[in-house]
Structures are given as C-alpha cells and as structure tokens.
C-alpha cells in the first residue's frame, strides 16, 4: 500500500521490454501465459497467483499511500485497460492503431499479462487534480473509444489510485509526449 519508489515512464517502459538486472517480468509473464489447466476457473486462479508476483504501478500520480486520499502529486496520466481483444495478432493490430490515434496521443502501449489484452497510457490536456477529475476523464475516454472503435475500457480502472500490473512486451511502444487527450471535447 505504500509506494516502494517512483519511476519515470521510460523506466517503466525499460522494465516492460525486459531490461534491468534481476527483472523477473519476462519469466513471470511467460508463466502466466503458459498456464494450461483444462478447468477455466482453476486456470484463472493459477494465473492470478503468478500475476500477484508481478510489479505493479499506479499511473494516476504519486501517492504517500495507495488510496485517493494519499494522492500527493497527480500525473495527468490515465491507464486504459482493454481486456480479451483476441489473438496476439489482433492485440498487436490494436496497439498499432491506437498508437497512431492523434486524439488519444498515447505515451505507452503494452500487452497485458494475459496476452489477450492491451494497456494504454494516455496523457490528458486538462489537469487532473484528484479522483473526481480522473473519473470525468475516464468517462470522456470511454465515450471516445466506444464511438471511435466500438471498444469498452475495463471500468475497474476508474479510480485514480488503481494499480496496473506490468508485463513483458518486447514490442511495447513508448512515444514522445504530445498534446494530451482533450477531456472537454469528448465529454459525453
């Protein structure tokens, strides 16, 4: 619940692509994706046990402790989580499509631990001062993504203090900062 350290987006990207001495993310990601229990519930439970060993990060800002009240410095970043996209090829296609979206202007895109989802870090044009602004931004992003791509964002990420498990993606995309997503323009 208390942050271990603060990382730059480049440091997070470096971990995701597998850099760093002692980085266990590639091996843990392989273990998660190789679970082959025929019982779907048991397979999910096995994957979740391994997933809990992955490092996780809160993209919403810096916190003295992980809760809305513990926010000390907002980042103006929102992590979008797209679950169950499909095959690895479909996930890569969506990653490439979203990386070129000039409304979203994503900074970081990587495949989720399961291998069939995508995580996308979006900067906002408007400042996020706390959880209410974060929720407003998520509503606008959900509206935009739904209207533009017919996709749903995992609603569990609507809390500014929500953690995101990192996973190995050697083809992760890190982009130079551009103007952020215009929350006001896409308010439903």
Protein backbone atom coordinates (compact mmCIF):
# COMPACT_ATOMS: atom_id res chain seq x y z
CA UNK A 1 0.00 0.00 0.00
CA UNK A 2 3.00 2.31 0.45
CA UNK A 3 4.97 3.06 -2.74
CA UNK A 4 8.36 1.44 -2.97
CA UNK A 5 9.70 4.05 -5.40
CA UNK A 6 8.69 6.48 -8.12
CA UNK A 7 9.57 5.69 -11.72
CA UNK A 8 9.65 7.69 -14.93
CA UNK A 9 7.67 6.43 -17.91
CA UNK A 10 10.97 5.50 -19.57
CA UNK A 11 11.93 3.38 -16.54
CA UNK A 12 8.55 1.62 -16.69
CA UNK A 13 9.00 1.02 -20.44
CA UNK A 14 12.50 -0.41 -19.80
CA UNK A 15 11.05 -2.91 -17.32
CA UNK A 16 8.28 -3.90 -19.73
CA UNK A 17 10.67 -4.61 -22.61
CA UNK A 18 12.75 -6.77 -20.27
CA UNK A 19 15.70 -4.57 -19.39
CA UNK A 20 17.31 -4.42 -15.99
CA UNK A 21 19.28 -6.82 -13.91
CA UNK A 22 17.06 -9.14 -11.93
CA UNK A 23 13.97 -8.17 -13.94
CA UNK A 24 11.57 -11.09 -13.40
CA UNK A 25 8.78 -9.65 -15.56
CA UNK A 26 9.64 -11.68 -18.70
CA UNK A 27 9.71 -15.01 -16.82
CA UNK A 28 6.56 -14.31 -14.80
CA UNK A 29 4.72 -13.22 -17.96
CA UNK A 30 5.76 -16.47 -19.70
CA UNK A 31 4.49 -18.45 -16.71
CA UNK A 32 1.12 -16.66 -16.75
CA UNK A 33 0.65 -17.21 -20.48
CA UNK A 34 1.68 -20.86 -20.32
CA UNK A 35 -0.91 -21.96 -17.72
CA UNK A 36 -2.84 -24.77 -19.41
CA UNK A 37 -5.20 -26.14 -16.78
CA UNK A 38 -8.31 -27.54 -18.55
CA UNK A 39 -10.55 -26.18 -15.79
CA UNK A 40 -11.11 -22.47 -16.64
CA UNK A 41 -11.62 -21.43 -13.01
CA UNK A 42 -8.50 -23.24 -11.81
CA UNK A 43 -6.51 -21.81 -14.74
CA UNK A 44 -7.63 -18.30 -13.82
CA UNK A 45 -6.73 -18.87 -10.18
CA UNK A 46 -3.27 -20.18 -11.19
CA UNK A 47 -2.67 -17.15 -13.43
CA UNK A 48 -3.77 -14.77 -10.68
CA UNK A 49 -1.34 -16.32 -8.18
CA UNK A 50 1.55 -15.72 -10.58
CA UNK A 51 0.24 -12.27 -11.57
CA UNK A 52 0.45 -11.12 -7.94
CA UNK A 53 4.23 -11.55 -8.15
CA UNK A 54 4.46 -9.00 -10.97
CA UNK A 55 5.44 -5.44 -10.12
CA UNK A 56 2.57 -3.02 -10.34
CA UNK A 57 2.37 0.71 -10.75
CA UNK A 58 -0.15 3.48 -10.25
CA UNK A 59 -0.10 5.72 -13.32
CA UNK A 60 -2.50 8.29 -11.80
CA UNK A 61 0.18 10.04 -9.79
CA UNK A 62 2.45 9.86 -6.78
CA UNK A 63 0.93 8.69 -3.50
CA UNK A 64 2.04 8.65 0.12
CA UNK A 65 -0.11 5.50 0.37
CA UNK A 66 -2.30 3.88 -2.25
CA UNK A 67 -5.73 5.46 -1.90
CA UNK A 68 -7.47 8.51 -3.31
CA UNK A 69 -6.69 10.38 -0.09
CA UNK A 70 -2.99 9.51 -0.38
CA UNK A 71 -2.51 11.37 -3.68
CA UNK A 72 0.41 13.82 -3.35
CA UNK A 73 1.09 14.68 -7.00
CA UNK A 74 -1.26 13.91 -9.91
CA UNK A 75 0.43 12.80 -13.14
CA UNK A 76 -2.32 13.73 -15.64
CA UNK A 77 -1.94 10.16 -16.94
CA UNK A 78 -4.67 7.57 -17.29
CA UNK A 79 -4.19 3.88 -17.99
CA UNK A 80 -6.75 2.29 -20.27
CA UNK A 81 -7.19 -1.46 -19.96
CA UNK A 82 -8.69 -3.38 -22.86
CA UNK A 83 -9.47 -7.00 -21.95
CA UNK A 84 -9.99 -10.05 -24.16
CA UNK A 85 -9.17 -8.43 -27.51
CA UNK A 86 -8.34 -11.73 -29.16
CA UNK A 87 -5.30 -13.30 -30.76
CA UNK A 88 -1.79 -11.90 -30.37
CA UNK A 89 -2.08 -10.53 -33.90
CA UNK A 90 -5.33 -8.72 -33.07
CA UNK A 91 -3.74 -7.24 -29.94
CA UNK A 92 -0.74 -6.02 -31.97
CA UNK A 93 -3.04 -4.56 -34.64
CA UNK A 94 -4.98 -2.62 -32.00
CA UNK A 95 -1.72 -1.46 -30.39
CA UNK A 96 -0.54 -0.07 -33.73
CA UNK A 97 -3.91 1.55 -34.46
CA UNK A 98 -4.16 3.26 -31.08
CA UNK A 99 -0.51 4.35 -31.14
CA UNK A 100 -1.30 6.46 -34.22
CA UNK A 101 -4.51 7.99 -32.84
CA UNK A 102 -3.97 11.77 -32.71
CA UNK A 103 -6.93 12.33 -30.36
CA UNK A 104 -5.64 9.88 -27.75
CA UNK A 105 -1.93 10.67 -28.22
CA UNK A 106 -0.90 7.65 -26.13
CA UNK A 107 2.51 7.64 -24.47
CA UNK A 108 2.93 3.94 -23.67
CA UNK A 109 1.24 0.84 -25.06
CA UNK A 110 1.92 -2.74 -23.97
CA UNK A 111 0.30 -6.17 -23.99
CA UNK A 112 -1.36 -7.21 -20.73
CA UNK A 113 -0.10 -10.13 -18.60
CA UNK A 114 -2.74 -12.46 -20.08
CA UNK A 115 -1.52 -11.80 -23.62
CA UNK A 116 -5.00 -11.08 -24.97
CA UNK A 117 -5.40 -7.53 -23.66
CA UNK A 118 -3.76 -4.15 -24.06
CA UNK A 119 -2.70 -1.40 -21.64
CA UNK A 120 -2.55 2.16 -22.98
CA UNK A 121 -1.23 5.17 -21.02
CA UNK A 122 -2.93 8.40 -22.08
CA UNK A 123 -1.94 11.96 -21.08
CA UNK A 124 -4.76 14.46 -20.58
CA UNK A 125 -4.83 18.02 -21.87
CA UNK A 126 -6.68 19.19 -18.77
CA UNK A 127 -5.04 18.88 -15.37
CA UNK A 128 -6.28 16.15 -13.07
CA UNK A 129 -6.33 17.47 -9.52
CA UNK A 130 -7.93 14.44 -7.88
CA UNK A 131 -10.25 11.48 -8.24
CA UNK A 132 -13.32 13.45 -9.49
CA UNK A 133 -11.28 14.85 -12.43
CA UNK A 134 -9.88 11.39 -13.05
CA UNK A 135 -13.39 9.89 -13.24
CA UNK A 136 -14.51 12.67 -15.62
CA UNK A 137 -11.51 11.96 -17.82
CA UNK A 138 -12.28 8.23 -17.82
CA UNK A 139 -15.88 8.91 -18.89
CA UNK A 140 -14.65 11.04 -21.80
CA UNK A 141 -12.07 8.44 -22.81
CA UNK A 142 -14.67 5.66 -22.60
CA UNK A 143 -17.02 7.69 -24.76
CA UNK A 144 -14.33 8.44 -27.35
CA UNK A 145 -13.05 4.86 -27.55
CA UNK A 146 -16.59 3.49 -27.76
CA UNK A 147 -17.62 5.91 -30.50
CA UNK A 148 -14.41 5.58 -32.50
CA UNK A 149 -13.50 1.91 -32.11
CA UNK A 150 -16.55 0.21 -30.59
CA UNK A 151 -14.38 -0.89 -27.68
CA UNK A 152 -15.05 -0.92 -23.96
CA UNK A 153 -12.46 0.09 -21.39
CA UNK A 154 -12.28 -2.08 -18.29
CA UNK A 155 -14.32 0.01 -15.81
CA UNK A 156 -12.22 -1.12 -12.83
CA UNK A 157 -9.60 1.48 -13.81
CA UNK A 158 -11.79 4.48 -13.00
CA UNK A 159 -10.08 5.04 -9.62
CA UNK A 160 -7.02 7.35 -9.64
CA UNK A 161 -5.19 5.02 -7.24
CA UNK A 162 -5.82 1.86 -9.28
CA UNK A 163 -2.73 -0.26 -9.83
CA UNK A 164 -1.66 -1.77 -13.12
CA UNK A 165 0.38 -4.97 -13.32
CA UNK A 166 3.36 -4.66 -15.60
CA UNK A 167 4.03 -7.42 -18.10
CA UNK A 168 6.68 -8.31 -20.63
CA UNK A 169 6.19 -6.91 -24.11
CA UNK A 170 9.37 -6.63 -26.19
CA UNK A 171 7.31 -4.71 -28.78
CA UNK A 172 5.91 -2.16 -26.32
CA UNK A 173 5.61 1.34 -27.73
CA UNK A 174 6.90 4.43 -25.94
CA UNK A 175 6.12 7.71 -27.68
CA UNK A 176 7.30 11.26 -27.23
CA UNK A 177 4.83 13.43 -25.32
CA UNK A 178 2.28 15.24 -27.48
CA UNK A 179 -0.71 17.34 -26.53
CA UNK A 180 -2.90 15.24 -24.26
CA UNK A 181 -6.40 13.90 -24.79
CA UNK A 182 -8.99 16.70 -24.72
CA UNK A 183 -11.38 15.59 -21.98
CA UNK A 184 -13.73 18.54 -22.50
CA UNK A 185 -14.05 17.96 -26.26
CA UNK A 186 -15.12 14.35 -25.71
CA UNK A 187 -17.38 14.79 -22.69
CA UNK A 188 -20.49 12.67 -23.42
